Structure formats: C-alpha cells, structure tokens
C-alpha cells in the first residue's frame, strides 16, 4: 500500500513539475524581446513584464521612439556591469522627463546577463539608463532595509558582444570614469 502511495505521490509531483515548466515556457513565449544593434554586434534581450511591468513599458516606449539610437555604452566596469542609455558619442546627456517607480522587490536578482534600470540615490529615479550585469551583483538587490536596482530583462543572445564591450579599454572623459576609449554606439533598436 505504501509503495502505491509513493508512486502516486511521485507521479503527482512529476505532473505538477511539468505543468509548472510548461507555464514558464508559455510565459517566456509571451515576453517581448528587443535587439540593440551596436557597432560591435547585436544584443537580444527578453523583457520580463510579469515582474517589472513599469520598467518594461518604459523601455519598450523608448525602443519604439528610437531614443537609444546614437547613444553609447558610457560606463564599462569588468566583472560588474556595462551601462548605456543616457549619453551620445561626445558624452552629451540626452535629456528626458521620464521616471519609473522602483520595482526591485519583484524577486529578480542582479545576476550575470540580467538587465536592470540605473538610477540615482532616490529609488524611483530610474529613467532611460540601463545596465547589463556582467557579474553576479547581489549588492544591487533589494534587501529588507531598502530597495535595490530593478531587474526587468535578461540577455538571450549576444553574450559574446557583451564580453567584447566589457573588455574594452576605458578611461576618464568629461569627468566621467570607466568610459570606453573607442565609443560603443547603439546604431539601431527594434522589437523582435
């Protein structure tokens, strides 16, 4: 009798696991995807609206407006992150009136190849700048003591491009540190 109960329990576990995996797969199929075409290659990102709806909506609006075209990866720190979304090739800031409420309590972590919104000290100050984690940056995650940096996507293609960007030579330019010596320019963006 106990053997039959064990088999039924195991089969129930298998069915629930498969149903959960199917749900995750279907949810992933519904997630929007975008491409950032840079002068060193293309990066494809899956956005995660079920976790960060405000950030995904903001990012997609910026993609649709071609806001990121002509901007550069202006901050590159190996084993940490590569950041873009605010400055032109000559490091002129592209202004915006946007801001997005922090969504870092969504359960997503700043792990390698996740995409998160950059911000100032105020948690709700994210606007257009984003970064791709090139390391596991747990210190950027939300804690019981306060909000972190909101993860809203993950890289699905172009990790070699990210590694190329991560390893470029950087320096100080216009008072900014970790600026690539050869600009890494976003040439085009599109939804996939």
N, C-alpha and C. Protein backbone atom coordinates (compact mmCIF):
# COMPACT_ATOMS: atom_id res chain seq x y z
N UNK A 1 0.82 -1.19 0.00
CA UNK A 1 0.00 0.00 0.00
C UNK A 1 0.87 1.26 0.00
N UNK A 2 1.93 1.23 0.84
CA UNK A 2 2.82 2.39 0.91
C UNK A 2 3.54 2.58 -0.42
N UNK A 3 3.90 1.52 -1.11
CA UNK A 3 4.57 1.60 -2.41
C UNK A 3 3.67 2.28 -3.44
N UNK A 4 2.39 1.95 -3.45
CA UNK A 4 1.44 2.57 -4.38
C UNK A 4 1.30 4.06 -4.05
N UNK A 5 1.20 4.38 -2.76
CA UNK A 5 1.09 5.78 -2.34
C UNK A 5 2.32 6.58 -2.79
N UNK A 6 3.51 5.98 -2.66
CA UNK A 6 4.75 6.63 -3.09
C UNK A 6 4.74 6.87 -4.59
N UNK A 7 4.29 5.90 -5.36
CA UNK A 7 4.23 6.06 -6.82
C UNK A 7 3.24 7.14 -7.21
N UNK A 8 2.08 7.18 -6.56
CA UNK A 8 1.07 8.20 -6.87
C UNK A 8 1.61 9.59 -6.51
N UNK A 9 2.26 9.69 -5.36
CA UNK A 9 2.84 10.96 -4.94
C UNK A 9 3.90 11.41 -5.94
N UNK A 10 4.76 10.48 -6.35
CA UNK A 10 5.81 10.80 -7.31
C UNK A 10 5.21 11.26 -8.65
N UNK A 11 4.19 10.54 -9.14
CA UNK A 11 3.54 10.91 -10.41
C UNK A 11 2.89 12.29 -10.30
N UNK A 12 2.27 12.56 -9.15
CA UNK A 12 1.68 13.88 -8.93
C UNK A 12 2.73 14.97 -8.98
N UNK A 13 3.88 14.70 -8.37
CA UNK A 13 4.98 15.66 -8.38
C UNK A 13 5.47 15.90 -9.81
N UNK A 14 5.62 14.81 -10.59
CA UNK A 14 6.08 14.93 -11.97
C UNK A 14 5.09 15.74 -12.79
N UNK A 15 3.81 15.48 -12.63
CA UNK A 15 2.78 16.21 -13.39
C UNK A 15 2.79 17.69 -13.02
N UNK A 16 2.86 18.00 -11.74
CA UNK A 16 2.91 19.40 -11.32
C UNK A 16 4.17 20.10 -11.81
N UNK A 17 5.29 19.40 -11.77
CA UNK A 17 6.55 19.97 -12.27
C UNK A 17 6.46 20.26 -13.76
N UNK A 18 5.92 19.31 -14.52
CA UNK A 18 5.79 19.51 -15.97
C UNK A 18 4.81 20.65 -16.26
N UNK A 19 3.74 20.74 -15.51
CA UNK A 19 2.78 21.83 -15.70
C UNK A 19 3.43 23.17 -15.40
N UNK A 20 4.24 23.21 -14.33
CA UNK A 20 4.96 24.44 -13.99
C UNK A 20 5.95 24.84 -15.06
N UNK A 21 6.69 23.86 -15.59
CA UNK A 21 7.64 24.14 -16.67
C UNK A 21 6.93 24.63 -17.92
N UNK A 22 5.78 24.05 -18.23
CA UNK A 22 5.01 24.48 -19.38
C UNK A 22 4.52 25.90 -19.19
N UNK A 23 4.09 26.22 -17.97
CA UNK A 23 3.63 27.57 -17.68
C UNK A 23 4.77 28.57 -17.86
N UNK A 24 5.97 28.23 -17.35
CA UNK A 24 7.13 29.10 -17.51
C UNK A 24 7.46 29.27 -18.98
N UNK A 25 7.43 28.16 -19.75
CA UNK A 25 7.75 28.24 -21.17
C UNK A 25 6.74 29.12 -21.89
N UNK A 26 5.45 28.95 -21.59
CA UNK A 26 4.43 29.77 -22.23
C UNK A 26 4.57 31.23 -21.84
N UNK A 27 4.89 31.49 -20.56
CA UNK A 27 5.10 32.87 -20.12
C UNK A 27 6.27 33.48 -20.86
N UNK A 28 7.36 32.71 -21.03
CA UNK A 28 8.53 33.21 -21.75
C UNK A 28 8.19 33.50 -23.20
N UNK A 29 7.33 32.68 -23.80
CA UNK A 29 6.95 32.90 -25.19
C UNK A 29 6.17 34.20 -25.35
N UNK A 30 5.49 34.62 -24.29
CA UNK A 30 4.72 35.86 -24.32
C UNK A 30 5.55 37.10 -24.01
N UNK A 31 6.76 36.92 -23.52
CA UNK A 31 7.60 38.05 -23.14
C UNK A 31 8.12 38.77 -24.38
N UNK A 32 8.03 40.11 -24.38
CA UNK A 32 8.59 40.85 -25.52
C UNK A 32 10.10 40.72 -25.56
N UNK A 33 10.63 40.80 -26.76
CA UNK A 33 12.07 40.74 -26.96
C UNK A 33 12.49 41.92 -27.83
N UNK A 34 13.68 42.43 -27.56
CA UNK A 34 14.22 43.55 -28.31
C UNK A 34 15.66 43.28 -28.70
N UNK A 35 16.12 44.00 -29.70
CA UNK A 35 17.52 43.92 -30.12
C UNK A 35 18.15 45.30 -30.03
N UNK A 36 19.37 45.32 -29.52
CA UNK A 36 20.21 46.51 -29.54
C UNK A 36 21.34 46.22 -30.50
N UNK A 37 21.39 46.94 -31.60
CA UNK A 37 22.44 46.75 -32.59
C UNK A 37 23.52 47.79 -32.32
N UNK A 38 24.71 47.30 -31.96
CA UNK A 38 25.82 48.21 -31.66
C UNK A 38 26.88 48.10 -32.76
N UNK A 39 27.87 48.96 -32.70
CA UNK A 39 28.95 48.91 -33.68
C UNK A 39 29.90 47.74 -33.44
N UNK A 40 29.65 46.92 -32.38
CA UNK A 40 30.45 45.71 -32.18
C UNK A 40 29.59 44.45 -32.22
N UNK A 41 28.30 44.59 -32.55
CA UNK A 41 27.43 43.43 -32.67
C UNK A 41 26.07 43.66 -32.05
N UNK A 42 25.24 42.62 -32.10
CA UNK A 42 23.85 42.72 -31.65
C UNK A 42 23.64 41.99 -30.33
N UNK A 43 22.85 42.62 -29.45
CA UNK A 43 22.45 42.04 -28.18
C UNK A 43 20.94 41.90 -28.20
N UNK A 44 20.44 40.70 -27.90
CA UNK A 44 19.00 40.48 -27.83
C UNK A 44 18.60 40.27 -26.37
N UNK A 45 17.51 40.93 -26.00
CA UNK A 45 17.06 40.94 -24.61
C UNK A 45 15.61 40.49 -24.53
N UNK A 46 15.34 39.58 -23.60
CA UNK A 46 13.96 39.21 -23.28
C UNK A 46 13.53 40.07 -22.10
N UNK A 47 12.39 40.76 -22.24
CA UNK A 47 11.88 41.60 -21.18
C UNK A 47 10.90 40.80 -20.32
N UNK A 48 10.76 41.19 -19.05
CA UNK A 48 10.00 40.40 -18.08
C UNK A 48 8.87 41.23 -17.46
N UNK A 49 7.80 41.47 -18.23
CA UNK A 49 6.73 42.35 -17.76
C UNK A 49 5.95 41.82 -16.56
N UNK A 50 5.91 40.53 -16.35
CA UNK A 50 5.19 39.99 -15.19
C UNK A 50 5.88 40.39 -13.88
N UNK A 51 7.16 40.67 -13.94
CA UNK A 51 7.92 41.04 -12.76
C UNK A 51 8.12 42.56 -12.65
N UNK A 52 8.34 43.21 -13.79
CA UNK A 52 8.66 44.65 -13.81
C UNK A 52 7.84 45.36 -14.89
N UNK A 53 6.52 45.42 -14.74
CA UNK A 53 5.68 45.98 -15.80
C UNK A 53 5.98 47.44 -16.14
N UNK A 54 6.28 48.26 -15.14
CA UNK A 54 6.54 49.68 -15.39
C UNK A 54 7.85 49.87 -16.15
N UNK A 55 8.87 49.12 -15.75
CA UNK A 55 10.17 49.24 -16.42
C UNK A 55 10.10 48.72 -17.86
N UNK A 56 9.40 47.61 -18.05
CA UNK A 56 9.28 47.05 -19.40
C UNK A 56 8.50 48.01 -20.29
N UNK A 57 7.42 48.56 -19.78
CA UNK A 57 6.62 49.51 -20.57
C UNK A 57 7.46 50.73 -20.96
N UNK A 58 8.22 51.26 -20.01
CA UNK A 58 9.09 52.41 -20.27
C UNK A 58 10.16 52.06 -21.31
N UNK A 59 10.80 50.92 -21.14
CA UNK A 59 11.88 50.50 -22.05
C UNK A 59 11.34 50.29 -23.47
N UNK A 60 10.18 49.64 -23.59
CA UNK A 60 9.60 49.43 -24.92
C UNK A 60 9.21 50.75 -25.58
N UNK A 61 8.70 51.70 -24.81
CA UNK A 61 8.37 53.01 -25.37
C UNK A 61 9.63 53.69 -25.90
N UNK A 62 10.72 53.58 -25.16
CA UNK A 62 11.99 54.16 -25.60
C UNK A 62 12.51 53.46 -26.86
N UNK A 63 12.37 52.15 -26.92
CA UNK A 63 12.76 51.40 -28.12
C UNK A 63 11.94 51.87 -29.31
N UNK A 64 10.62 51.97 -29.13
CA UNK A 64 9.73 52.39 -30.22
C UNK A 64 10.01 53.81 -30.69
N UNK A 65 10.47 54.67 -29.78
CA UNK A 65 10.79 56.06 -30.12
C UNK A 65 12.20 56.21 -30.69
N UNK A 66 12.96 55.11 -30.78
CA UNK A 66 14.36 55.15 -31.20
C UNK A 66 15.21 56.05 -30.31
N UNK A 67 14.81 56.17 -29.05
CA UNK A 67 15.53 57.02 -28.11
C UNK A 67 17.00 56.60 -27.97
N UNK A 68 17.26 55.31 -27.97
CA UNK A 68 18.61 54.81 -27.70
C UNK A 68 19.55 54.90 -28.91
N UNK A 69 19.01 55.14 -30.09
CA UNK A 69 19.84 55.20 -31.29
C UNK A 69 20.79 56.40 -31.19
N UNK A 70 22.07 56.13 -31.35
CA UNK A 70 23.09 57.17 -31.26
C UNK A 70 23.68 57.32 -29.87
N UNK A 71 23.13 56.62 -28.89
CA UNK A 71 23.69 56.67 -27.55
C UNK A 71 24.78 55.60 -27.41
N UNK A 72 25.59 55.72 -26.38
CA UNK A 72 26.74 54.83 -26.21
C UNK A 72 26.67 54.09 -24.88
N UNK A 73 27.45 53.03 -24.79
CA UNK A 73 27.75 52.41 -23.51
C UNK A 73 28.82 53.30 -22.89
N UNK A 74 28.41 54.12 -21.92
CA UNK A 74 29.29 55.17 -21.40
C UNK A 74 30.02 54.77 -20.11
N UNK A 75 29.63 53.65 -19.53
CA UNK A 75 30.26 53.19 -18.29
C UNK A 75 30.45 51.69 -18.37
N UNK A 76 31.71 51.25 -18.36
CA UNK A 76 32.03 49.84 -18.53
C UNK A 76 33.02 49.43 -17.44
N UNK A 77 32.56 48.52 -16.58
CA UNK A 77 33.40 48.06 -15.48
C UNK A 77 33.44 46.53 -15.52
N UNK A 78 34.59 45.94 -15.87
CA UNK A 78 34.69 44.48 -15.94
C UNK A 78 34.25 43.80 -14.64
N UNK A 79 33.64 42.65 -14.79
CA UNK A 79 33.13 41.85 -13.67
C UNK A 79 32.04 42.55 -12.87
N UNK A 80 31.52 43.66 -13.40
CA UNK A 80 30.44 44.38 -12.72
C UNK A 80 29.29 44.62 -13.68
N UNK A 81 29.41 45.64 -14.56
CA UNK A 81 28.31 45.94 -15.47
C UNK A 81 28.77 46.82 -16.62
N UNK A 82 27.90 46.87 -17.66
CA UNK A 82 28.08 47.80 -18.77
C UNK A 82 26.80 48.63 -18.83
N UNK A 83 26.94 49.95 -18.90
CA UNK A 83 25.79 50.85 -18.78
C UNK A 83 25.63 51.72 -20.02
N UNK A 84 24.38 51.94 -20.41
CA UNK A 84 24.05 52.78 -21.58
C UNK A 84 22.73 53.49 -21.32
N UNK A 85 22.35 54.31 -22.30
CA UNK A 85 21.02 54.89 -22.27
C UNK A 85 20.92 56.34 -21.89
N UNK A 86 22.04 57.05 -21.79
CA UNK A 86 21.95 58.44 -21.38
C UNK A 86 22.79 59.42 -22.15
N UNK A 87 23.86 58.92 -22.81
CA UNK A 87 24.84 59.84 -23.40
C UNK A 87 25.13 59.53 -24.85
N UNK A 88 25.36 60.60 -25.61
CA UNK A 88 25.76 60.48 -27.01
C UNK A 88 27.25 60.18 -27.09
N UNK A 89 27.74 60.01 -28.29
CA UNK A 89 29.14 59.65 -28.50
C UNK A 89 30.11 60.69 -27.93
N UNK A 90 29.72 61.98 -27.95
CA UNK A 90 30.59 63.01 -27.38
C UNK A 90 30.27 63.28 -25.90
N UNK A 91 29.52 62.34 -25.27
CA UNK A 91 29.14 62.37 -23.86
C UNK A 91 28.24 63.55 -23.51
N UNK A 92 27.40 63.94 -24.45
CA UNK A 92 26.34 64.90 -24.18
C UNK A 92 25.14 64.11 -23.66
N UNK A 93 24.58 64.58 -22.55
CA UNK A 93 23.45 63.89 -21.95
C UNK A 93 22.19 64.13 -22.79
N UNK A 94 21.46 63.07 -23.08
CA UNK A 94 20.18 63.19 -23.79
C UNK A 94 19.08 63.30 -22.74
N UNK A 95 18.48 64.50 -22.60
CA UNK A 95 17.51 64.71 -21.53
C UNK A 95 16.18 63.98 -21.76
N UNK A 96 15.49 63.76 -20.66
CA UNK A 96 14.18 63.12 -20.69
C UNK A 96 13.37 63.58 -19.49
N UNK A 97 12.07 63.50 -19.59
CA UNK A 97 11.19 63.82 -18.46
C UNK A 97 10.64 62.57 -17.81
N UNK A 98 11.21 61.41 -18.11
CA UNK A 98 10.69 60.14 -17.62
C UNK A 98 11.22 59.84 -16.22
N UNK A 99 10.44 59.06 -15.50
CA UNK A 99 10.93 58.40 -14.30
C UNK A 99 10.04 57.19 -14.07
N UNK A 100 10.62 56.17 -13.47
CA UNK A 100 9.92 54.91 -13.27
C UNK A 100 10.01 54.53 -11.80
N UNK A 101 8.88 54.15 -11.22
CA UNK A 101 8.86 53.70 -9.83
C UNK A 101 9.66 52.41 -9.69
N UNK A 102 10.42 52.32 -8.62
CA UNK A 102 11.27 51.16 -8.37
C UNK A 102 10.44 49.88 -8.26
N UNK A 103 10.91 48.82 -8.90
CA UNK A 103 10.26 47.51 -8.84
C UNK A 103 11.24 46.41 -8.42
N UNK A 104 12.21 46.79 -7.60
CA UNK A 104 13.26 45.83 -7.24
C UNK A 104 12.80 44.75 -6.26
N UNK A 105 11.63 44.88 -5.70
CA UNK A 105 11.10 43.86 -4.79
C UNK A 105 10.33 42.79 -5.55
N UNK A 106 10.66 42.62 -6.82
CA UNK A 106 9.95 41.68 -7.69
C UNK A 106 10.49 40.25 -7.62
N UNK A 107 11.51 40.01 -6.85
CA UNK A 107 12.08 38.68 -6.72
C UNK A 107 13.22 38.40 -7.68
N UNK A 108 13.42 39.26 -8.69
CA UNK A 108 14.52 39.07 -9.63
C UNK A 108 15.80 39.62 -9.04
N UNK A 109 16.89 38.95 -9.32
CA UNK A 109 18.20 39.32 -8.76
C UNK A 109 19.11 39.84 -9.86
N UNK A 110 20.05 40.68 -9.47
CA UNK A 110 21.05 41.22 -10.39
C UNK A 110 22.14 40.18 -10.62
N UNK A 111 21.81 39.21 -11.44
CA UNK A 111 22.72 38.13 -11.79
C UNK A 111 23.34 38.42 -13.16
N UNK A 112 24.39 37.70 -13.46
CA UNK A 112 25.09 37.88 -14.73
C UNK A 112 24.11 37.76 -15.89
N UNK A 113 24.19 38.70 -16.81
CA UNK A 113 23.38 38.79 -18.04
C UNK A 113 21.94 39.21 -17.78
N UNK A 114 21.62 39.73 -16.59
CA UNK A 114 20.31 40.36 -16.41
C UNK A 114 20.44 41.84 -16.75
N UNK A 115 19.30 42.44 -17.07
CA UNK A 115 19.26 43.85 -17.44
C UNK A 115 18.47 44.59 -16.36
N UNK A 116 19.03 45.68 -15.86
CA UNK A 116 18.40 46.44 -14.78
C UNK A 116 18.42 47.93 -15.10
N UNK A 117 17.57 48.67 -14.41
CA UNK A 117 17.48 50.12 -14.59
C UNK A 117 18.47 50.82 -13.67
N UNK A 118 19.27 51.70 -14.26
CA UNK A 118 20.16 52.55 -13.46
C UNK A 118 19.31 53.62 -12.79
N UNK A 119 19.80 54.16 -11.72
CA UNK A 119 19.07 55.22 -11.01
C UNK A 119 20.03 56.01 -10.14
N UNK A 120 19.52 57.12 -9.59
CA UNK A 120 20.28 57.91 -8.63
C UNK A 120 19.99 57.35 -7.23
N UNK A 121 20.32 58.09 -6.19
CA UNK A 121 20.07 57.62 -4.83
C UNK A 121 18.59 57.38 -4.55
N UNK A 122 17.73 58.22 -5.10
CA UNK A 122 16.29 58.04 -4.87
C UNK A 122 15.83 56.79 -5.63
N UNK A 123 15.15 55.87 -4.97
CA UNK A 123 14.78 54.59 -5.60
C UNK A 123 13.90 54.73 -6.84
N UNK A 124 13.10 55.82 -6.92
CA UNK A 124 12.19 55.99 -8.05
C UNK A 124 12.75 56.94 -9.11
N UNK A 125 14.07 57.03 -9.21
CA UNK A 125 14.70 57.98 -10.14
C UNK A 125 15.17 57.34 -11.45
N UNK A 126 14.85 56.07 -11.69
CA UNK A 126 15.22 55.44 -12.95
C UNK A 126 14.51 56.14 -14.10
N UNK A 127 15.20 56.29 -15.23
CA UNK A 127 14.56 56.94 -16.37
C UNK A 127 14.87 56.20 -17.67
N UNK A 128 16.00 56.45 -18.27
CA UNK A 128 16.33 55.82 -19.55
C UNK A 128 17.59 54.97 -19.47
N UNK A 129 18.43 55.21 -18.49
CA UNK A 129 19.70 54.49 -18.41
C UNK A 129 19.48 53.09 -17.83
N UNK A 130 20.14 52.14 -18.45
CA UNK A 130 20.05 50.75 -18.03
C UNK A 130 21.44 50.15 -18.01
N UNK A 131 21.57 49.01 -17.36
CA UNK A 131 22.85 48.32 -17.37
C UNK A 131 22.63 46.83 -17.51
N UNK A 132 23.64 46.18 -18.05
CA UNK A 132 23.66 44.73 -18.16
C UNK A 132 24.70 44.24 -17.16
N UNK A 133 24.25 43.42 -16.24
CA UNK A 133 25.18 42.84 -15.26
C UNK A 133 26.13 41.88 -15.95
N UNK A 134 27.43 42.04 -15.70
CA UNK A 134 28.41 41.09 -16.24
C UNK A 134 29.05 40.29 -15.12
N UNK A 135 28.44 40.37 -13.96
CA UNK A 135 28.81 39.58 -12.80
C UNK A 135 27.56 39.40 -11.95
N UNK A 136 27.64 38.56 -10.94
CA UNK A 136 26.53 38.39 -10.01
C UNK A 136 26.64 39.50 -8.96
N UNK A 137 25.77 40.49 -9.06
CA UNK A 137 25.87 41.69 -8.24
C UNK A 137 24.81 41.72 -7.15
N UNK A 138 24.97 40.85 -6.17
CA UNK A 138 23.97 40.74 -5.10
C UNK A 138 23.84 42.03 -4.30
N UNK A 139 24.89 42.84 -4.26
CA UNK A 139 24.83 44.10 -3.52
C UNK A 139 23.88 45.11 -4.17
N UNK A 140 23.40 44.83 -5.39
CA UNK A 140 22.44 45.70 -6.05
C UNK A 140 20.99 45.26 -5.83
N UNK A 141 20.81 44.12 -5.18
CA UNK A 141 19.46 43.58 -4.96
C UNK A 141 18.77 44.28 -3.79
N UNK A 142 17.44 44.26 -3.82
CA UNK A 142 16.65 44.78 -2.71
C UNK A 142 16.93 43.97 -1.46
N UNK A 143 16.86 44.63 -0.32
CA UNK A 143 17.03 43.97 0.98
C UNK A 143 15.89 44.42 1.89
N UNK A 144 15.75 43.81 3.04
CA UNK A 144 14.73 44.28 3.98
C UNK A 144 14.94 45.74 4.40
N UNK A 145 16.18 46.21 4.25
CA UNK A 145 16.50 47.59 4.64
C UNK A 145 16.22 48.62 3.54
N UNK A 146 15.99 48.15 2.31
CA UNK A 146 15.74 49.13 1.27
C UNK A 146 15.71 48.54 -0.12
N UNK A 147 15.25 49.35 -1.09
CA UNK A 147 15.16 48.88 -2.46
C UNK A 147 16.52 48.77 -3.13
N UNK A 148 16.54 47.98 -4.18
CA UNK A 148 17.76 47.80 -4.96
C UNK A 148 17.57 48.37 -6.36
N UNK A 149 18.20 47.73 -7.31
CA UNK A 149 18.11 48.14 -8.71
C UNK A 149 17.21 47.14 -9.42
N UNK A 150 16.19 47.67 -10.10
CA UNK A 150 15.13 46.84 -10.68
C UNK A 150 15.58 46.08 -11.91
N UNK A 151 15.58 44.77 -11.82
CA UNK A 151 15.85 43.91 -12.97
C UNK A 151 14.55 43.81 -13.78
N UNK A 152 14.67 44.01 -15.10
CA UNK A 152 13.47 43.93 -15.94
C UNK A 152 13.68 43.10 -17.20
N UNK A 153 14.85 42.49 -17.36
CA UNK A 153 15.10 41.67 -18.55
C UNK A 153 16.32 40.80 -18.38
N UNK A 154 16.55 40.00 -19.41
CA UNK A 154 17.74 39.13 -19.43
C UNK A 154 18.21 38.97 -20.86
N UNK A 155 19.50 38.85 -21.01
CA UNK A 155 20.11 38.70 -22.33
C UNK A 155 19.86 37.27 -22.82
N UNK A 156 19.37 37.16 -24.05
CA UNK A 156 19.13 35.84 -24.63
C UNK A 156 20.06 35.54 -25.80
N UNK A 157 20.73 36.56 -26.30
CA UNK A 157 21.69 36.38 -27.39
C UNK A 157 22.65 37.56 -27.40
N UNK A 158 23.90 37.29 -27.77
CA UNK A 158 24.88 38.36 -27.87
C UNK A 158 25.80 38.46 -26.66
N UNK A 159 25.92 37.36 -25.94
CA UNK A 159 26.82 37.38 -24.79
C UNK A 159 28.26 37.65 -25.22
N UNK A 160 28.63 37.20 -26.41
CA UNK A 160 29.98 37.49 -26.92
C UNK A 160 30.17 38.99 -27.14
N UNK A 161 29.11 39.67 -27.57
CA UNK A 161 29.16 41.12 -27.77
C UNK A 161 29.34 41.81 -26.42
N UNK A 162 28.60 41.34 -25.42
CA UNK A 162 28.71 41.91 -24.07
C UNK A 162 30.13 41.73 -23.54
N UNK A 163 30.71 40.56 -23.75
CA UNK A 163 32.08 40.32 -23.30
C UNK A 163 33.07 41.22 -24.03
N UNK A 164 32.83 41.46 -25.32
CA UNK A 164 33.68 42.38 -26.08
C UNK A 164 33.61 43.77 -25.47
N UNK A 165 32.39 44.22 -25.16
CA UNK A 165 32.22 45.55 -24.56
C UNK A 165 32.89 45.59 -23.19
N UNK A 166 32.68 44.55 -22.41
CA UNK A 166 33.22 44.50 -21.05
C UNK A 166 34.74 44.66 -21.03
N UNK A 167 35.41 44.17 -22.05
CA UNK A 167 36.87 44.13 -22.06
C UNK A 167 37.54 45.27 -22.81
N UNK A 168 36.76 46.27 -23.26
CA UNK A 168 37.39 47.40 -23.96
C UNK A 168 38.21 48.23 -22.99
N UNK A 169 39.17 48.95 -23.54
CA UNK A 169 39.96 49.87 -22.73
C UNK A 169 39.10 51.06 -22.36
N UNK A 170 39.19 51.50 -21.11
CA UNK A 170 38.40 52.64 -20.64
C UNK A 170 39.31 53.68 -20.02
N UNK A 171 38.75 54.85 -19.81
CA UNK A 171 39.49 55.92 -19.17
C UNK A 171 38.54 56.97 -18.63
N UNK A 172 39.09 58.12 -18.32
CA UNK A 172 38.29 59.24 -17.82
C UNK A 172 38.06 60.19 -18.98
N UNK A 173 36.80 60.61 -19.13
CA UNK A 173 36.45 61.55 -20.20
C UNK A 173 35.32 62.45 -19.71
N UNK A 174 35.48 63.75 -19.90
CA UNK A 174 34.47 64.73 -19.46
C UNK A 174 34.09 64.54 -17.99
N UNK A 175 35.06 64.16 -17.16
CA UNK A 175 34.82 63.97 -15.74
C UNK A 175 34.14 62.66 -15.39
N UNK A 176 33.91 61.81 -16.38
CA UNK A 176 33.28 60.51 -16.15
C UNK A 176 34.35 59.42 -16.19
N UNK A 177 34.22 58.43 -15.30
CA UNK A 177 35.18 57.33 -15.24
C UNK A 177 34.62 56.11 -15.96
N UNK A 178 35.52 55.22 -16.35
CA UNK A 178 35.17 53.94 -16.99
C UNK A 178 34.47 54.13 -18.33
N UNK A 179 34.87 55.17 -19.06
CA UNK A 179 34.31 55.45 -20.38
C UNK A 179 35.16 54.74 -21.43
N UNK A 180 34.54 53.94 -22.31
CA UNK A 180 35.32 53.28 -23.36
C UNK A 180 36.10 54.29 -24.19
N UNK A 181 37.37 53.97 -24.44
CA UNK A 181 38.21 54.86 -25.25
C UNK A 181 37.72 54.90 -26.69
N UNK A 182 37.25 53.79 -27.21
CA UNK A 182 36.60 53.74 -28.52
C UNK A 182 35.11 53.60 -28.27
N UNK A 183 34.29 54.56 -28.70
CA UNK A 183 32.87 54.53 -28.37
C UNK A 183 32.16 53.26 -28.85
N UNK A 184 31.31 52.71 -27.97
CA UNK A 184 30.44 51.59 -28.30
C UNK A 184 29.05 52.19 -28.50
N UNK A 185 28.66 52.34 -29.77
CA UNK A 185 27.46 53.10 -30.14
C UNK A 185 26.29 52.16 -30.42
N UNK A 186 25.11 52.53 -29.94
CA UNK A 186 23.88 51.82 -30.31
C UNK A 186 23.42 52.40 -31.64
N UNK A 187 23.49 51.60 -32.69
CA UNK A 187 23.18 52.05 -34.04
C UNK A 187 21.69 51.92 -34.37
N UNK A 188 21.04 50.93 -33.77
CA UNK A 188 19.62 50.69 -34.06
C UNK A 188 19.03 49.87 -32.92
N UNK A 189 17.71 49.99 -32.76
CA UNK A 189 16.97 49.16 -31.80
C UNK A 189 15.71 48.69 -32.49
N UNK A 190 15.21 47.53 -32.08
CA UNK A 190 13.96 47.04 -32.66
C UNK A 190 13.36 45.96 -31.77
N UNK A 191 12.05 45.83 -31.91
CA UNK A 191 11.37 44.70 -31.26
C UNK A 191 11.58 43.47 -32.13
N UNK A 192 11.68 42.32 -31.50
CA UNK A 192 11.84 41.07 -32.25
C UNK A 192 10.51 40.36 -32.36
